[in-house]
Amino acid sequence: MDDKKQRQDLLNGKKTERIIFAVTPKLKNAVASLSKEDCVSMSSLISCLLADEVVRRTR
């Protein structure tokens, strides 16, 4: 499976599961700034970053 297809498989579909983790206020502000720059929600940005890492590690 190519990277694009694998990434789409990871990101598409109904979102019913949650991962909850704690961050420092500084990290939260940094992620908020990145998501604002990319015009996406913070959860979307985090999901995309995680999917990219999964694809990278499963090559």
N, C-alpha and C. Protein backbone atom coordinates (compact mmCIF):
# COMPACT_ATOMS: atom_id res chain seq x y z
N MET A 1 0.85 -1.18 0.00
CA MET A 1 0.00 0.00 0.00
C MET A 1 0.90 1.24 0.00
N ASP A 2 0.58 2.20 -0.84
CA ASP A 2 1.41 3.40 -0.88
C ASP A 2 1.10 4.30 0.32
N ASP A 3 2.01 5.24 0.57
CA ASP A 3 1.90 6.10 1.75
C ASP A 3 0.59 6.89 1.77
N LYS A 4 0.21 7.42 0.62
CA LYS A 4 -1.01 8.23 0.57
C LYS A 4 -2.24 7.40 0.93
N LYS A 5 -2.33 6.19 0.40
CA LYS A 5 -3.47 5.32 0.67
C LYS A 5 -3.49 4.91 2.14
N GLN A 6 -2.33 4.58 2.69
CA GLN A 6 -2.26 4.20 4.10
C GLN A 6 -2.69 5.36 5.00
N ARG A 7 -2.24 6.56 4.68
CA ARG A 7 -2.60 7.75 5.46
C ARG A 7 -4.11 7.99 5.38
N GLN A 8 -4.69 7.85 4.18
CA GLN A 8 -6.13 8.02 4.02
C GLN A 8 -6.89 6.99 4.84
N ASP A 9 -6.43 5.74 4.82
CA ASP A 9 -7.09 4.69 5.60
C ASP A 9 -7.07 5.01 7.09
N LEU A 10 -5.97 5.58 7.56
CA LEU A 10 -5.85 5.91 8.99
C LEU A 10 -6.74 7.09 9.38
N LEU A 11 -6.90 8.07 8.48
CA LEU A 11 -7.60 9.30 8.84
C LEU A 11 -9.08 9.32 8.48
N ASN A 12 -9.49 8.52 7.49
CA ASN A 12 -10.89 8.54 7.07
C ASN A 12 -11.75 7.64 7.96
N GLY A 13 -13.01 7.95 8.01
CA GLY A 13 -13.93 7.14 8.78
C GLY A 13 -14.47 7.89 9.97
N LYS A 14 -15.44 7.27 10.60
CA LYS A 14 -16.09 7.87 11.77
C LYS A 14 -15.13 7.85 12.96
N LYS A 15 -15.02 8.97 13.61
CA LYS A 15 -14.13 9.11 14.75
C LYS A 15 -14.92 8.81 16.04
N THR A 16 -14.65 7.65 16.63
CA THR A 16 -15.37 7.27 17.85
C THR A 16 -14.44 7.03 19.04
N GLU A 17 -13.16 6.91 18.78
CA GLU A 17 -12.20 6.63 19.85
C GLU A 17 -11.47 7.90 20.24
N ARG A 18 -11.01 7.95 21.48
CA ARG A 18 -10.28 9.11 21.96
C ARG A 18 -8.98 8.68 22.62
N ILE A 19 -7.98 9.51 22.47
CA ILE A 19 -6.73 9.37 23.21
C ILE A 19 -6.62 10.64 24.04
N ILE A 20 -6.46 10.47 25.32
CA ILE A 20 -6.38 11.62 26.21
C ILE A 20 -4.99 11.62 26.85
N PHE A 21 -4.33 12.77 26.79
CA PHE A 21 -3.02 12.89 27.40
C PHE A 21 -2.85 14.30 27.94
N ALA A 22 -1.94 14.44 28.86
CA ALA A 22 -1.68 15.73 29.48
C ALA A 22 -0.51 16.42 28.80
N VAL A 23 -0.61 17.72 28.68
CA VAL A 23 0.48 18.53 28.10
C VAL A 23 0.71 19.76 28.98
N THR A 24 1.84 20.36 28.80
CA THR A 24 2.11 21.61 29.50
C THR A 24 1.37 22.73 28.78
N PRO A 25 1.11 23.81 29.47
CA PRO A 25 0.48 24.96 28.81
C PRO A 25 1.32 25.47 27.62
N LYS A 26 2.63 25.41 27.75
CA LYS A 26 3.51 25.86 26.68
C LYS A 26 3.33 25.00 25.42
N LEU A 27 3.26 23.68 25.59
CA LEU A 27 3.05 22.79 24.45
C LEU A 27 1.66 23.00 23.84
N LYS A 28 0.66 23.18 24.69
CA LYS A 28 -0.69 23.43 24.19
C LYS A 28 -0.73 24.70 23.34
N ASN A 29 -0.09 25.75 23.81
CA ASN A 29 -0.05 27.00 23.05
C ASN A 29 0.69 26.84 21.73
N ALA A 30 1.76 26.05 21.73
CA ALA A 30 2.51 25.81 20.50
C ALA A 30 1.67 25.05 19.49
N VAL A 31 0.95 24.03 19.94
CA VAL A 31 0.09 23.26 19.05
C VAL A 31 -1.06 24.12 18.55
N ALA A 32 -1.61 24.96 19.40
CA ALA A 32 -2.69 25.87 18.99
C ALA A 32 -2.19 26.81 17.90
N SER A 33 -0.98 27.31 18.03
CA SER A 33 -0.41 28.20 17.01
C SER A 33 -0.23 27.48 15.68
N LEU A 34 0.29 26.25 15.74
CA LEU A 34 0.46 25.46 14.51
C LEU A 34 -0.87 25.19 13.83
N SER A 35 -1.86 24.82 14.61
CA SER A 35 -3.16 24.50 14.02
C SER A 35 -3.81 25.74 13.42
N LYS A 36 -3.61 26.88 14.06
CA LYS A 36 -4.15 28.12 13.52
C LYS A 36 -3.49 28.47 12.19
N GLU A 37 -2.17 28.30 12.11
CA GLU A 37 -1.44 28.55 10.87
C GLU A 37 -1.95 27.66 9.73
N ASP A 38 -2.27 26.40 10.06
CA ASP A 38 -2.71 25.43 9.04
C ASP A 38 -4.22 25.45 8.83
N CYS A 39 -4.94 26.30 9.57
CA CYS A 39 -6.41 26.40 9.47
C CYS A 39 -7.09 25.07 9.72
N VAL A 40 -6.64 24.35 10.73
CA VAL A 40 -7.25 23.08 11.13
C VAL A 40 -7.44 23.10 12.64
N SER A 41 -8.26 22.19 13.13
CA SER A 41 -8.44 22.08 14.57
C SER A 41 -7.20 21.44 15.19
N MET A 42 -7.05 21.63 16.48
CA MET A 42 -5.91 21.01 17.16
C MET A 42 -6.00 19.50 17.08
N SER A 43 -7.19 18.93 17.25
CA SER A 43 -7.32 17.47 17.19
C SER A 43 -7.00 16.95 15.80
N SER A 44 -7.39 17.69 14.77
CA SER A 44 -7.07 17.28 13.40
C SER A 44 -5.56 17.32 13.15
N LEU A 45 -4.92 18.35 13.62
CA LEU A 45 -3.47 18.46 13.46
C LEU A 45 -2.77 17.31 14.16
N ILE A 46 -3.17 17.01 15.39
CA ILE A 46 -2.55 15.92 16.15
C ILE A 46 -2.79 14.59 15.44
N SER A 47 -4.00 14.36 14.96
CA SER A 47 -4.30 13.11 14.24
C SER A 47 -3.45 12.97 12.99
N CYS A 48 -3.29 14.05 12.25
CA CYS A 48 -2.46 14.02 11.04
C CYS A 48 -1.00 13.75 11.37
N LEU A 49 -0.50 14.36 12.41
CA LEU A 49 0.89 14.12 12.80
C LEU A 49 1.09 12.67 13.22
N LEU A 50 0.13 12.11 13.94
CA LEU A 50 0.23 10.71 14.35
C LEU A 50 0.16 9.78 13.15
N ALA A 51 -0.75 10.04 12.23
CA ALA A 51 -0.88 9.21 11.02
C ALA A 51 0.40 9.27 10.21
N ASP A 52 0.98 10.45 10.06
CA ASP A 52 2.24 10.58 9.32
C ASP A 52 3.35 9.74 9.96
N GLU A 53 3.39 9.73 11.26
CA GLU A 53 4.43 8.95 11.96
C GLU A 53 4.19 7.45 11.78
N VAL A 54 2.95 7.01 11.84
CA VAL A 54 2.64 5.60 11.61
C VAL A 54 3.07 5.19 10.21
N VAL A 55 2.74 5.99 9.22
CA VAL A 55 3.12 5.69 7.84
C VAL A 55 4.64 5.64 7.71
N ARG A 56 5.31 6.60 8.31
CA ARG A 56 6.78 6.65 8.23
C ARG A 56 7.40 5.39 8.82
N ARG A 57 6.87 4.93 9.94
CA ARG A 57 7.47 3.78 10.63
C ARG A 57 7.09 2.43 10.02
N THR A 58 6.07 2.40 9.20
CA THR A 58 5.65 1.12 8.61
C THR A 58 6.08 0.97 7.17
N ARG A 59 6.96 1.81 6.71
CA ARG A 59 7.48 1.69 5.33
C ARG A 59 8.33 0.47 5.19
